[in-house]
C-alpha atoms as a PDB file:
ATOM      1  CA  MET A   1     -16.757 -22.188  12.342  1.00  0.00           C
ATOM      2  CA  PHE A   2     -18.906 -19.016  12.075  1.00  0.00           C
ATOM      3  CA  SER A   3     -21.046 -20.436   9.218  1.00  0.00           C
ATOM      4  CA  PRO A   4     -21.209 -23.643   7.176  1.00  0.00           C
ATOM      5  CA  GLU A   5     -19.126 -21.902   4.496  1.00  0.00           C
ATOM      6  CA  GLY A   6     -16.480 -20.682   6.931  1.00  0.00           C
ATOM      7  CA  PRO A   7     -13.271 -22.344   8.156  1.00  0.00           C
ATOM      8  CA  SER A   8     -13.269 -25.035  10.816  1.00  0.00           C
ATOM      9  CA  LEU A   9     -11.455 -24.610  14.124  1.00  0.00           C
ATOM     10  CA  LEU A  10      -8.781 -27.003  12.860  1.00  0.00           C
ATOM     11  CA  GLU A  11      -8.277 -24.916   9.715  1.00  0.00           C
ATOM     12  CA  LEU A  12      -7.995 -21.715  11.729  1.00  0.00           C
ATOM     13  CA  THR A  13      -5.475 -23.327  14.059  1.00  0.00           C
ATOM     14  CA  ARG A  14      -3.355 -24.514  11.144  1.00  0.00           C
ATOM     15  CA  GLN A  15      -3.483 -21.058   9.587  1.00  0.00           C
ATOM     16  CA  ALA A  16      -2.488 -19.379  12.852  1.00  0.00           C
ATOM     17  CA  MET A  17       0.568 -21.612  13.163  1.00  0.00           C
ATOM     18  CA  THR A  18       1.995 -20.392   9.862  1.00  0.00           C
ATOM     19  CA  SER A  19       3.103 -16.910   8.829  1.00  0.00           C
ATOM     20  CA  VAL A  20       0.597 -14.105   8.265  1.00  0.00           C
ATOM     21  CA  GLU A  21       1.043 -14.368   4.498  1.00  0.00           C
ATOM     22  CA  ARG A  22       0.676 -18.164   4.361  1.00  0.00           C
ATOM     23  CA  GLY A  23      -2.190 -18.068   6.832  1.00  0.00           C
ATOM     24  CA  TYR A  24      -4.195 -15.728   4.614  1.00  0.00           C
ATOM     25  CA  ASP A  25      -3.357 -17.755   1.529  1.00  0.00           C
ATOM     26  CA  LEU A  26      -4.936 -20.765   3.275  1.00  0.00           C
ATOM     27  CA  LEU A  27      -7.923 -18.788   4.543  1.00  0.00           C
ATOM     28  CA  ALA A  28      -8.625 -16.870   1.330  1.00  0.00           C
ATOM     29  CA  THR A  29     -11.403 -18.984  -0.178  1.00  0.00           C
ATOM     30  CA  LYS A  30     -13.400 -18.908   3.076  1.00  0.00           C
ATOM     31  CA  PHE A  31     -12.406 -15.473   4.383  1.00  0.00           C
ATOM     32  CA  ASP A  32     -15.604 -13.694   3.348  1.00  0.00           C
ATOM     33  CA  ALA A  33     -17.620 -16.198   5.422  1.00  0.00           C
ATOM     34  CA  THR A  34     -15.839 -15.149   8.644  1.00  0.00           C
ATOM     35  CA  PRO A  35     -16.382 -12.176  11.002  1.00  0.00           C
ATOM     36  CA  PHE A  36     -12.880 -10.978  10.010  1.00  0.00           C
ATOM     37  CA  ARG A  37     -14.293  -9.503   6.798  1.00  0.00           C
ATOM     38  CA  THR A  38     -15.194  -5.827   7.206  1.00  0.00           C
ATOM     39  CA  SER A  39     -18.954  -5.534   7.529  1.00  0.00           C
ATOM     40  CA  ASP A  40     -21.054  -4.041   4.747  1.00  0.00           C
ATOM     41  CA  ARG A  41     -22.534  -1.647   7.298  1.00  0.00           C
ATOM     42  CA  LEU A  42     -19.108  -0.180   8.051  1.00  0.00           C
ATOM     43  CA  LEU A  43     -18.127  -0.056   4.382  1.00  0.00           C
ATOM     44  CA  THR A  44     -21.324   1.799   3.483  1.00  0.00           C
ATOM     45  CA  ALA A  45     -20.813   4.261   6.326  1.00  0.00           C
ATOM     46  CA  VAL A  46     -17.255   4.995   5.168  1.00  0.00           C
ATOM     47  CA  ALA A  47     -18.399   5.498   1.569  1.00  0.00           C
ATOM     48  CA  ASP A  48     -21.089   7.933   2.742  1.00  0.00           C
ATOM     49  CA  ALA A  49     -18.559   9.845   4.864  1.00  0.00           C
ATOM     50  CA  LEU A  50     -16.044  10.072   2.022  1.00  0.00           C
ATOM     51  CA  ALA A  51     -18.490  11.253  -0.640  1.00  0.00           C
ATOM     52  CA  PRO A  52     -18.534  14.942   0.412  1.00  0.00           C
ATOM     53  CA  LEU A  53     -14.729  15.022   0.788  1.00  0.00           C
ATOM     54  CA  GLY A  54     -14.083  14.493  -2.928  1.00  0.00           C
ATOM     55  CA  PRO A  55     -13.966  14.638  -5.827  1.00  0.00           C
ATOM     56  CA  PHE A  56     -11.356  11.883  -6.085  1.00  0.00           C
ATOM     57  CA  ASP A  57      -9.816  10.438  -9.220  1.00  0.00           C
ATOM     58  CA  THR A  58      -7.562   7.444  -8.479  1.00  0.00           C
ATOM     59  CA  GLY A  59      -7.985   5.306  -5.354  1.00  0.00           C
ATOM     60  CA  LEU A  60      -5.851   2.769  -3.446  1.00  0.00           C
ATOM     61  CA  ASP A  61      -7.001   0.104  -0.985  1.00  0.00           C
ATOM     62  CA  VAL A  62      -4.040  -0.776   1.264  1.00  0.00           C
ATOM     63  CA  CYS A  63      -4.126  -4.423   2.392  1.00  0.00           C
ATOM     64  CA  CYS A  64      -7.213  -5.011   0.273  1.00  0.00           C
ATOM     65  CA  GLY A  65      -7.580  -8.725   1.034  1.00  0.00           C
ATOM     66  CA  THR A  66     -10.468 -10.212  -0.945  1.00  0.00           C
ATOM     67  CA  GLY A  67     -11.499  -6.731  -2.042  1.00  0.00           C
ATOM     68  CA  ALA A  68     -14.398  -5.900   0.275  1.00  0.00           C
ATOM     69  CA  GLY A  69     -13.284  -2.256   0.383  1.00  0.00           C
ATOM     70  CA  LEU A  70     -12.901  -1.802  -3.373  1.00  0.00           C
ATOM     71  CA  PRO A  71     -16.587  -0.864  -3.886  1.00  0.00           C
ATOM     72  CA  VAL A  72     -15.998   2.025  -1.468  1.00  0.00           C
ATOM     73  CA  LEU A  73     -13.329   3.368  -3.806  1.00  0.00           C
ATOM     74  CA  ARG A  74     -15.506   2.691  -6.836  1.00  0.00           C
ATOM     75  CA  SER A  75     -18.320   4.737  -5.316  1.00  0.00           C
ATOM     76  CA  VAL A  76     -16.205   7.860  -4.700  1.00  0.00           C
ATOM     77  CA  CYS A  77     -13.412   7.679  -7.315  1.00  0.00           C
ATOM     78  CA  ALA A  78     -13.890   8.637 -10.966  1.00  0.00           C
ATOM     79  CA  GLY A  79     -10.676   6.984 -12.153  1.00  0.00           C
ATOM     80  CA  ARG A  80      -8.644   3.824 -11.664  1.00  0.00           C
ATOM     81  CA  ILE A  81      -9.000   1.873  -8.433  1.00  0.00           C
ATOM     82  CA  THR A  82      -6.135  -0.288  -7.149  1.00  0.00           C
ATOM     83  CA  GLY A  83      -5.815  -2.841  -4.381  1.00  0.00           C
ATOM     84  CA  VAL A  84      -2.565  -4.030  -2.869  1.00  0.00           C
ATOM     85  CA  ASP A  85      -2.015  -7.045  -0.615  1.00  0.00           C
ATOM     86  CA  PHE A  86       0.826  -9.483   0.093  1.00  0.00           C
ATOM     87  CA  SER A  87      -1.345 -12.620   0.058  1.00  0.00           C
ATOM     88  CA  ALA A  88      -1.585 -14.173  -3.398  1.00  0.00           C
ATOM     89  CA  GLY A  89      -4.589 -16.226  -2.275  1.00  0.00           C
ATOM     90  CA  MET A  90      -6.527 -13.178  -1.113  1.00  0.00           C
ATOM     91  CA  LEU A  91      -5.721 -11.352  -4.344  1.00  0.00           C
ATOM     92  CA  ASP A  92      -6.996 -14.301  -6.385  1.00  0.00           C
ATOM     93  CA  GLU A  93     -10.352 -13.959  -4.619  1.00  0.00           C
ATOM     94  CA  ALA A  94     -10.317 -10.187  -5.174  1.00  0.00           C
ATOM     95  CA  ARG A  95      -9.682 -10.648  -8.898  1.00  0.00           C
ATOM     96  CA  ARG A  96     -12.672 -12.942  -9.223  1.00  0.00           C
ATOM     97  CA  ALA A  97     -14.940 -10.512  -7.408  1.00  0.00           C
ATOM     98  CA  HIS A  98     -13.571  -7.252  -8.858  1.00  0.00           C
ATOM     99  CA  PRO A  99     -12.221  -7.769 -12.395  1.00  0.00           C
ATOM    100  CA  ASP A 100     -12.321  -4.032 -13.076  1.00  0.00           C
ATOM    101  CA  ALA A 101      -9.748  -3.243 -10.342  1.00  0.00           C
ATOM    102  CA  THR A 102      -5.974  -3.206 -10.666  1.00  0.00           C
ATOM    103  CA  LEU A 103      -4.647  -5.670  -8.081  1.00  0.00           C
ATOM    104  CA  ILE A 104      -0.987  -5.832  -7.111  1.00  0.00           C
ATOM    105  CA  ARG A 105       0.889  -8.165  -4.790  1.00  0.00           C
ATOM    106  CA  ALA A 106       3.205  -6.152  -2.544  1.00  0.00           C
ATOM    107  CA  ASP A 107       4.156  -5.494   1.062  1.00  0.00           C
ATOM    108  CA  ALA A 108       2.377  -2.444   2.499  1.00  0.00           C
ATOM    109  CA  LEU A 109       5.684  -1.511   4.176  1.00  0.00           C
ATOM    110  CA  ALA A 110       7.298  -1.201   0.731  1.00  0.00           C
ATOM    111  CA  LEU A 111       4.587   0.030  -1.628  1.00  0.00           C
ATOM    112  CA  PRO A 112       5.641   0.076  -5.297  1.00  0.00           C
ATOM    113  CA  PHE A 113       4.057   3.440  -6.086  1.00  0.00           C
ATOM    114  CA  GLY A 114       5.049   7.004  -6.588  1.00  0.00           C
ATOM    115  CA  PRO A 115       2.620   9.866  -5.881  1.00  0.00           C
ATOM    116  CA  GLU A 116      -0.242   8.656  -8.087  1.00  0.00           C
ATOM    117  CA  PHE A 117      -3.357   8.329  -5.920  1.00  0.00           C
ATOM    118  CA  ASP A 118      -5.889  10.898  -4.713  1.00  0.00           C
ATOM    119  CA  LEU A 119      -7.414   8.666  -2.037  1.00  0.00           C
ATOM    120  CA  ALA A 120      -6.100   5.745   0.006  1.00  0.00           C
ATOM    121  CA  VAL A 121      -8.216   3.634   2.351  1.00  0.00           C
ATOM    122  CA  SER A 122      -7.616   0.603   4.549  1.00  0.00           C
ATOM    123  CA  PHE A 123      -9.970  -1.669   6.461  1.00  0.00           C
ATOM    124  CA  GLY A 124      -9.178  -4.016   9.319  1.00  0.00           C
ATOM    125  CA  ALA A 125      -5.492  -4.547   8.556  1.00  0.00           C
ATOM    126  CA  PHE A 126      -3.664  -2.416  11.110  1.00  0.00           C
ATOM    127  CA  GLY A 127      -3.400  -5.166  13.700  1.00  0.00           C
ATOM    128  CA  HIS A 128      -0.882  -6.854  11.408  1.00  0.00           C
ATOM    129  CA  PHE A 129       1.623  -4.034  11.951  1.00  0.00           C
ATOM    130  CA  ARG A 130       3.603  -3.721  15.141  1.00  0.00           C
ATOM    131  CA  PRO A 131       3.673  -0.210  16.649  1.00  0.00           C
ATOM    132  CA  ALA A 132       7.270   0.285  15.452  1.00  0.00           C
ATOM    133  CA  GLU A 133       6.085  -0.374  11.868  1.00  0.00           C
ATOM    134  CA  GLN A 134       3.226   2.106  11.829  1.00  0.00           C
ATOM    135  CA  ARG A 135       5.349   5.106  10.861  1.00  0.00           C
ATOM    136  CA  THR A 136       6.780   3.110   7.945  1.00  0.00           C
ATOM    137  CA  LEU A 137       3.274   2.155   6.842  1.00  0.00           C
ATOM    138  CA  PHE A 138       2.062   5.746   7.031  1.00  0.00           C
ATOM    139  CA  HIS A 139       5.151   6.976   5.192  1.00  0.00           C
ATOM    140  CA  GLN A 140       4.519   4.493   2.387  1.00  0.00           C
ATOM    141  CA  VAL A 141       0.922   5.669   2.010  1.00  0.00           C
ATOM    142  CA  HIS A 142       2.031   9.306   2.159  1.00  0.00           C
ATOM    143  CA  THR A 143       4.499   8.660  -0.664  1.00  0.00           C
ATOM    144  CA  ALA A 144       1.805   6.976  -2.782  1.00  0.00           C
ATOM    145  CA  LEU A 145      -0.549   9.971  -2.532  1.00  0.00           C
ATOM    146  CA  ARG A 146      -0.505  12.979  -4.796  1.00  0.00           C
ATOM    147  CA  PRO A 147      -0.134  16.394  -3.126  1.00  0.00           C
ATOM    148  CA  GLY A 148      -3.427  17.131  -1.425  1.00  0.00           C
ATOM    149  CA  GLY A 149      -4.329  13.434  -1.359  1.00  0.00           C
ATOM    150  CA  THR A 150      -6.354  11.837   1.435  1.00  0.00           C
ATOM    151  CA  PHE A 151      -5.743   8.729   3.554  1.00  0.00           C
ATOM    152  CA  ALA A 152      -8.923   7.645   5.339  1.00  0.00           C
ATOM    153  CA  PHE A 153      -9.833   4.716   7.549  1.00  0.00           C
ATOM    154  CA  PRO A 154     -12.403   3.876  10.243  1.00  0.00           C
ATOM    155  CA  LEU A 155     -11.181   3.509  13.801  1.00  0.00           C
ATOM    156  CA  PRO A 156     -13.617   2.015  16.339  1.00  0.00           C
ATOM    157  CA  ALA A 157     -13.374   3.138  19.941  1.00  0.00           C
ATOM    158  CA  PRO A 158     -11.818   0.599  22.319  1.00  0.00           C
ATOM    159  CA  PRO A 159     -14.255  -1.278  24.556  1.00  0.00           C
ATOM    160  CA  PRO A 160     -14.628   0.019  28.130  1.00  0.00           C
ATOM    161  CA  VAL A 161     -11.984  -1.267  30.521  1.00  0.00           C
ATOM    162  CA  GLY A 162     -13.260  -4.289  32.384  1.00  0.00           C
ATOM    163  CA  SER A 163     -16.060  -5.099  29.931  1.00  0.00           C
ATOM    164  CA  ALA A 164     -16.430  -8.518  28.323  1.00  0.00           C
ATOM    165  CA  PRO A 165     -15.173  -7.245  24.910  1.00  0.00           C
ATOM    166  CA  TYR A 166     -12.178  -5.656  26.653  1.00  0.00           C
ATOM    167  CA  TRP A 167     -11.150  -8.938  28.271  1.00  0.00           C
ATOM    168  CA  THR A 168     -11.792 -10.838  25.042  1.00  0.00           C
ATOM    169  CA  LEU A 169      -9.389  -8.612  23.106  1.00  0.00           C
ATOM    170  CA  PHE A 170      -6.908  -8.571  25.983  1.00  0.00           C
ATOM    171  CA  GLY A 171      -6.949 -12.363  26.097  1.00  0.00           C
ATOM    172  CA  PHE A 172      -6.566 -12.713  22.340  1.00  0.00           C
ATOM    173  CA  ASP A 173      -3.544 -10.399  22.273  1.00  0.00           C
ATOM    174  CA  ALA A 174      -1.989 -12.226  25.226  1.00  0.00           C
ATOM    175  CA  VAL A 175      -2.378 -15.584  23.488  1.00  0.00           C
ATOM    176  CA  MET A 176      -0.823 -14.188  20.303  1.00  0.00           C
ATOM    177  CA  ARG A 177       2.148 -12.809  22.243  1.00  0.00           C
ATOM    178  CA  VAL A 178       2.751 -16.184  23.872  1.00  0.00           C
ATOM    179  CA  ARG A 179       2.378 -17.946  20.519  1.00  0.00           C
ATOM    180  CA  ASN A 180       4.885 -15.585  18.887  1.00  0.00           C
ATOM    181  CA  ALA A 181       7.345 -15.974  21.738  1.00  0.00           C
ATOM    182  CA  LEU A 182       7.316 -19.754  21.355  1.00  0.00           C
ATOM    183  CA  TRP A 183       6.753 -20.349  17.644  1.00  0.00           C
ATOM    184  CA  ARG A 184       8.304 -19.217  14.373  1.00  0.00           C
ATOM    185  CA  PRO A 185       7.444 -17.690  12.028  1.00  0.00           C
ATOM    186  CA  PRO A 186       5.426 -15.108  13.989  1.00  0.00           C
ATOM    187  CA  PHE A 187       1.784 -14.429  13.218  1.00  0.00           C
ATOM    188  CA  VAL A 188       1.306 -10.729  13.866  1.00  0.00           C
ATOM    189  CA  MET A 189      -2.335 -10.004  14.663  1.00  0.00           C
ATOM    190  CA  TYR A 190      -3.045  -7.770  17.634  1.00  0.00           C
ATOM    191  CA  TYR A 191      -6.229  -5.859  18.450  1.00  0.00           C
ATOM    192  CA  ARG A 192      -4.891  -3.433  21.061  1.00  0.00           C
ATOM    193  CA  THR A 193      -1.798  -1.922  19.422  1.00  0.00           C
ATOM    194  CA  PHE A 194      -3.505   0.650  17.168  1.00  0.00           C
ATOM    195  CA  ARG A 195      -4.419   3.368  19.669  1.00  0.00           C
ATOM    196  CA  LEU A 196      -5.925   6.684  18.589  1.00  0.00           C
ATOM    197  CA  GLN A 197      -3.425   9.041  20.237  1.00  0.00           C
ATOM    198  CA  ASP A 198      -0.444   7.036  18.956  1.00  0.00           C
ATOM    199  CA  VAL A 199      -1.948   6.937  15.479  1.00  0.00           C
ATOM    200  CA  LEU A 200      -2.540  10.695  15.436  1.00  0.00           C
ATOM    201  CA  ARG A 201       1.018  11.380  16.531  1.00  0.00           C
ATOM    202  CA  ARG A 202       2.546   9.038  13.962  1.00  0.00           C
ATOM    203  CA  LEU A 203       0.410  10.386  11.143  1.00  0.00           C
ATOM    204  CA  GLY A 204       1.499  13.902  12.097  1.00  0.00           C
ATOM    205  CA  ASP A 205       5.141  12.856  12.229  1.00  0.00           C
ATOM    206  CA  THR A 206       4.757  11.491   8.687  1.00  0.00           C
ATOM    207  CA  GLY A 207       3.500  14.829   7.374  1.00  0.00           C
ATOM    208  CA  PHE A 208      -0.268  14.351   7.384  1.00  0.00           C
ATOM    209  CA  THR A 209      -2.777  16.870   8.668  1.00  0.00           C
ATOM    210  CA  VAL A 210      -5.430  14.871  10.499  1.00  0.00           C
ATOM    211  CA  GLU A 211      -9.133  15.403  11.082  1.00  0.00           C
ATOM    212  CA  LEU A 212     -11.464  13.088  13.004  1.00  0.00           C
ATOM    213  CA  ARG A 213     -15.042  12.656  11.840  1.00  0.00           C
ATOM    214  CA  THR A 214     -17.665  10.984  13.991  1.00  0.00           C
ATOM    215  CA  MET A 215     -19.496   8.165  12.217  1.00  0.00           C
ATOM    216  CA  GLU A 216     -22.968   8.843  13.571  1.00  0.00           C
ATOM    217  CA  THR A 217     -24.336   5.578  12.172  1.00  0.00           C
ATOM    218  CA  PHE A 218     -22.695   3.729  15.071  1.00  0.00           C
ATOM    219  CA  GLY A 219     -23.898   6.036  17.837  1.00  0.00           C
ATOM    220  CA  HIS A 220     -22.091   6.924  21.050  1.00  0.00           C
ATOM    221  CA  ARG A 221     -20.744   5.097  24.091  1.00  0.00           C
ATOM    222  CA  ALA A 222     -22.063   5.570  27.598  1.00  0.00           C
ATOM    223  CA  ASP A 223     -19.369   8.209  28.215  1.00  0.00           C
ATOM    224  CA  GLY A 224     -20.580  10.233  25.229  1.00  0.00           C
ATOM    225  CA  GLY A 225     -17.662   9.403  22.946  1.00  0.00           C
ATOM    226  CA  PRO A 226     -18.331   8.110  19.431  1.00  0.00           C
ATOM    227  CA  ARG A 227     -18.268   4.366  18.891  1.00  0.00           C
ATOM    228  CA  CYS A 228     -16.422   4.834  15.615  1.00  0.00           C
ATOM    229  CA  ARG A 229     -14.492   7.646  13.962  1.00  0.00           C
ATOM    230  CA  LEU A 230     -13.269   8.175  10.443  1.00  0.00           C
ATOM    231  CA  VAL A 231      -9.629   9.262  10.484  1.00  0.00           C
ATOM    232  CA  VAL A 232      -9.057  11.649   7.572  1.00  0.00           C
ATOM    233  CA  ALA A 233      -5.353  12.351   6.997  1.00  0.00           C
ATOM    234  CA  ARG A 234      -4.417  14.789   4.240  1.00  0.00           C
ATOM    235  CA  LYS A 235      -1.107  15.218   2.486  1.00  0.00           C
ATOM    236  CA  ALA A 236      -0.089  18.835   2.067  1.00  0.00           C
ATOM    237  CA  MET A 237      -0.354  20.516  -1.301  1.00  0.00           C
ATOM    238  CA  ARG A 238       2.987  21.166  -2.949  1.00  0.00           C
ATOM    239  CA  THR A 239       4.229  24.633  -2.019  1.00  0.00           C
ATOM    240  CA  ARG A 240       4.855  27.064  -4.822  1.00  0.00           C
ATOM    241  CA  GLU A 241       8.376  28.096  -5.655  1.00  0.00           C
ATOM    242  CA  ALA A 242       9.202  31.626  -4.618  1.00  0.00           C
END
């Protein structure tokens, strides 16, 4: 499926009938040959948008997968870059591709870090977190950042209601909800649960100050809104003692 190097329909079906972690372990060796990998165009655009926001020292890629986002950190961070993911198979692929990075197996909802990073990024992973888990995720990233640190990620605009992409995503989410109602363990992967206004509110509740930056590379929709934004969430600097 997708390309001769990618997974077959049977392999994807088998992966989808396991847990998220096991599914990605099975998919790992062929993941970069699927459309699920973040595109180089988007990664380059994020790197370009982050460059003037620095300088950054240490960087963290949350849910790094096979490491496609690690070069973004390498391009804007002067110090150590770290990736974290809960799939051992995906991390094995990341280690082969990025031997200079520190790669750690951990759950993003329980990150094993104190405040040690200046920049955190994440690409394409938010559909694996139910809405009730998003505050926990944001809190974990907030804790891992130094005072004044930045959490940044691209957020594409949703497709227009009634369009073919809209119904495609709607149908996919509906199928996943039926699958998870009937089969255990669940495979959490939804495309319509990470909505901009909810995200802004939850980031604010966590303590971030949030700025939205239009990614001009991707142009604008028919209604004039940007097709993709970069969400830039900043942790407050530590206040001085009186």
